C-alpha atoms as a PDB file:
ATOM      1  CA  MET A   1       0.862 -19.862   6.650  1.00  0.00           C
ATOM      2  CA  ILE A   2       4.224 -20.445   4.934  1.00  0.00           C
ATOM      3  CA  TYR A   3       2.460 -20.725   1.585  1.00  0.00           C
ATOM      4  CA  GLU A   4       0.781 -17.345   2.104  1.00  0.00           C
ATOM      5  CA  ILE A   5       4.067 -15.691   3.065  1.00  0.00           C
ATOM      6  CA  PHE A   6       5.579 -17.183  -0.089  1.00  0.00           C
ATOM      7  CA  ARG A   7       2.632 -15.907  -2.160  1.00  0.00           C
ATOM      8  CA  VAL A   8       3.085 -12.346  -0.870  1.00  0.00           C
ATOM      9  CA  LEU A   9       6.866 -12.413  -1.303  1.00  0.00           C
ATOM     10  CA  ALA A  10       6.583 -13.934  -4.790  1.00  0.00           C
ATOM     11  CA  CYS A  11       4.195 -11.171  -5.891  1.00  0.00           C
ATOM     12  CA  LEU A  12       6.563  -8.600  -4.401  1.00  0.00           C
ATOM     13  CA  ALA A  13       9.594 -10.110  -6.171  1.00  0.00           C
ATOM     14  CA  ILE A  14       7.815 -10.331  -9.522  1.00  0.00           C
ATOM     15  CA  GLY A  15       6.597  -6.754  -9.158  1.00  0.00           C
ATOM     16  CA  GLU A  16      10.105  -5.517  -8.348  1.00  0.00           C
ATOM     17  CA  ALA A  17      11.539  -7.440 -11.298  1.00  0.00           C
ATOM     18  CA  LEU A  18       8.935  -6.057 -13.693  1.00  0.00           C
ATOM     19  CA  SER A  19       9.513  -2.527 -12.445  1.00  0.00           C
ATOM     20  CA  HIS A  20      13.280  -2.821 -12.752  1.00  0.00           C
ATOM     21  CA  PHE A  21      13.742  -4.758 -15.984  1.00  0.00           C
ATOM     22  CA  CYS A  22      10.836  -3.271 -17.948  1.00  0.00           C
ATOM     23  CA  ALA A  23      11.602   0.291 -16.752  1.00  0.00           C
ATOM     24  CA  ILE A  24       8.028   0.791 -15.617  1.00  0.00           C
ATOM     25  CA  PRO A  25       7.691   4.080 -13.714  1.00  0.00           C
ATOM     26  CA  ILE A  26       5.597   2.411 -11.005  1.00  0.00           C
ATOM     27  CA  PRO A  27       7.194   1.094  -7.792  1.00  0.00           C
ATOM     28  CA  GLY A  28       7.647  -2.668  -7.731  1.00  0.00           C
ATOM     29  CA  THR A  29       5.736  -2.914  -4.476  1.00  0.00           C
ATOM     30  CA  VAL A  30       2.657  -1.407  -6.133  1.00  0.00           C
ATOM     31  CA  ILE A  31       2.964  -3.780  -9.086  1.00  0.00           C
ATOM     32  CA  GLY A  32       3.327  -6.689  -6.640  1.00  0.00           C
ATOM     33  CA  LEU A  33       0.219  -5.596  -4.767  1.00  0.00           C
ATOM     34  CA  ILE A  34      -1.719  -5.444  -8.033  1.00  0.00           C
ATOM     35  CA  LEU A  35      -0.470  -8.948  -8.919  1.00  0.00           C
ATOM     36  CA  LEU A  36      -1.605 -10.220  -5.508  1.00  0.00           C
ATOM     37  CA  LEU A  37      -5.008  -8.594  -6.056  1.00  0.00           C
ATOM     38  CA  ILE A  38      -5.316 -10.259  -9.471  1.00  0.00           C
ATOM     39  CA  CYS A  39      -4.310 -13.608  -7.966  1.00  0.00           C
ATOM     40  CA  LEU A  40      -6.935 -13.292  -5.246  1.00  0.00           C
ATOM     41  CA  HIS A  41      -9.557 -12.149  -7.754  1.00  0.00           C
ATOM     42  CA  PHE A  42      -9.113 -15.313  -9.816  1.00  0.00           C
ATOM     43  CA  ARG A  43      -9.102 -17.424  -6.656  1.00  0.00           C
ATOM     44  CA  GLY A  44     -12.442 -15.902  -5.681  1.00  0.00           C
ATOM     45  CA  SER A  45     -11.738 -15.333  -1.981  1.00  0.00           C
ATOM     46  CA  VAL A  46      -9.041 -14.462   0.511  1.00  0.00           C
ATOM     47  CA  PRO A  47      -7.530 -17.575   2.134  1.00  0.00           C
ATOM     48  CA  ASP A  48      -7.900 -17.711   5.916  1.00  0.00           C
ATOM     49  CA  ASN A  49      -4.137 -17.938   6.443  1.00  0.00           C
ATOM     50  CA  LEU A  50      -3.582 -14.831   4.305  1.00  0.00           C
ATOM     51  CA  SER A  51      -6.151 -12.977   6.382  1.00  0.00           C
ATOM     52  CA  ILE A  52      -4.359 -14.019   9.584  1.00  0.00           C
ATOM     53  CA  LEU A  53      -1.015 -12.944   8.091  1.00  0.00           C
ATOM     54  CA  ALA A  54      -2.455  -9.548   7.113  1.00  0.00           C
ATOM     55  CA  ASP A  55      -3.841  -9.025  10.625  1.00  0.00           C
ATOM     56  CA  ARG A  56      -0.459  -9.818  12.172  1.00  0.00           C
ATOM     57  CA  MET A  57       1.338  -7.466   9.773  1.00  0.00           C
ATOM     58  CA  LEU A  58      -1.119  -4.654  10.503  1.00  0.00           C
ATOM     59  CA  GLY A  59      -0.353  -5.082  14.184  1.00  0.00           C
ATOM     60  CA  LEU A  60       3.299  -4.260  13.463  1.00  0.00           C
ATOM     61  CA  PHE A  61       2.689  -1.174  11.319  1.00  0.00           C
ATOM     62  CA  GLY A  62       3.275   1.163  14.254  1.00  0.00           C
ATOM     63  CA  LEU A  63       6.955   0.272  14.108  1.00  0.00           C
ATOM     64  CA  PHE A  64       7.210   1.802  10.638  1.00  0.00           C
ATOM     65  CA  PHE A  65       6.381   5.253  12.006  1.00  0.00           C
ATOM     66  CA  VAL A  66       9.340   5.382  14.397  1.00  0.00           C
ATOM     67  CA  PRO A  67      11.943   6.253  11.699  1.00  0.00           C
ATOM     68  CA  ALA A  68       9.565   8.799  10.157  1.00  0.00           C
ATOM     69  CA  GLY A  69       9.074  10.470  13.534  1.00  0.00           C
ATOM     70  CA  ALA A  70      12.823  10.598  14.105  1.00  0.00           C
ATOM     71  CA  GLY A  71      13.258  12.145  10.656  1.00  0.00           C
ATOM     72  CA  VAL A  72      10.691  14.832  11.402  1.00  0.00           C
ATOM     73  CA  ILE A  73      12.516  15.753  14.593  1.00  0.00           C
ATOM     74  CA  GLY A  74      15.904  15.670  12.854  1.00  0.00           C
ATOM     75  CA  TYR A  75      14.769  17.985  10.039  1.00  0.00           C
ATOM     76  CA  PHE A  76      12.358  20.139  12.054  1.00  0.00           C
ATOM     77  CA  SER A  77      13.909  23.447  10.946  1.00  0.00           C
ATOM     78  CA  LEU A  78      13.642  22.501   7.267  1.00  0.00           C
ATOM     79  CA  ILE A  79      10.072  21.282   7.679  1.00  0.00           C
ATOM     80  CA  SER A  80       8.994  24.376   9.622  1.00  0.00           C
ATOM     81  CA  SER A  81      10.265  26.698   6.865  1.00  0.00           C
ATOM     82  CA  ASP A  82       7.993  24.998   4.277  1.00  0.00           C
ATOM     83  CA  PHE A  83       5.188  23.999   6.629  1.00  0.00           C
ATOM     84  CA  ILE A  84       2.321  25.559   4.614  1.00  0.00           C
ATOM     85  CA  THR A  85       3.424  23.911   1.366  1.00  0.00           C
ATOM     86  CA  ILE A  86       3.854  20.541   3.051  1.00  0.00           C
ATOM     87  CA  MET A  87       0.436  20.735   4.722  1.00  0.00           C
ATOM     88  CA  LEU A  88      -1.257  21.697   1.433  1.00  0.00           C
ATOM     89  CA  ALA A  89       0.397  18.735  -0.311  1.00  0.00           C
ATOM     90  CA  VAL A  90      -0.562  16.334   2.482  1.00  0.00           C
ATOM     91  CA  THR A  91      -4.161  17.601   2.573  1.00  0.00           C
ATOM     92  CA  ALA A  92      -4.578  17.446  -1.208  1.00  0.00           C
ATOM     93  CA  GLY A  93      -3.015  13.982  -1.315  1.00  0.00           C
ATOM     94  CA  THR A  94      -5.340  12.786   1.433  1.00  0.00           C
ATOM     95  CA  PHE A  95      -8.443  14.009  -0.388  1.00  0.00           C
ATOM     96  CA  VAL A  96      -7.311  12.477  -3.686  1.00  0.00           C
ATOM     97  CA  THR A  97      -6.593   9.165  -1.945  1.00  0.00           C
ATOM     98  CA  ILE A  98      -9.958   9.072  -0.157  1.00  0.00           C
ATOM     99  CA  ALA A  99     -11.811   9.950  -3.368  1.00  0.00           C
ATOM    100  CA  SER A 100      -9.981   7.351  -5.460  1.00  0.00           C
ATOM    101  CA  ILE A 101     -10.531   4.625  -2.859  1.00  0.00           C
ATOM    102  CA  GLY A 102     -14.210   5.520  -2.625  1.00  0.00           C
ATOM    103  CA  LEU A 103     -14.639   5.402  -6.395  1.00  0.00           C
ATOM    104  CA  SER A 104     -12.706   2.124  -6.600  1.00  0.00           C
ATOM    105  CA  VAL A 105     -14.839   0.496  -3.910  1.00  0.00           C
ATOM    106  CA  LYS A 106     -17.999   1.725  -5.598  1.00  0.00           C
ATOM    107  CA  HIS A 107     -16.822   0.397  -8.945  1.00  0.00           C
ATOM    108  CA  PHE A 108     -15.517  -3.012  -7.803  1.00  0.00           C
ATOM    109  CA  THR A 109     -18.119  -4.031  -5.222  1.00  0.00           C
ATOM    110  CA  GLY A 110     -21.179  -5.927  -6.165  1.00  0.00           C
ATOM    111  CA  PRO A 111     -24.605  -4.336  -6.553  1.00  0.00           C
ATOM    112  CA  GLU A 112     -25.591  -5.564  -3.083  1.00  0.00           C
ATOM    113  CA  LEU A 113     -23.232  -3.017  -1.469  1.00  0.00           C
ATOM    114  CA  ARG A 114     -24.146  -0.003  -3.624  1.00  0.00           C
END
């Protein structure tokens, strides 16, 4: 388990360093995630301990929404004045995300899943 935590943190650190020192306009966390994906691709499978770590982290994701909820309440008047614009941006972003994930899954999965 410690090795998998190190693997994730190492990919994150390398991604942050690349983003910062090479002035890449992509967040370091995204670059780190891509590095982790490449690492797992060459490995051929997801290690069991990494799968367990991911499941545990997903169980804690609800905690990340607490600050966002407090921010919404704190800036409610500002949000309500631009509600239509915000909802259009969120809706469009959701559709673009779903479409890109669908196309990525279709492209990267084997012929047995198509």
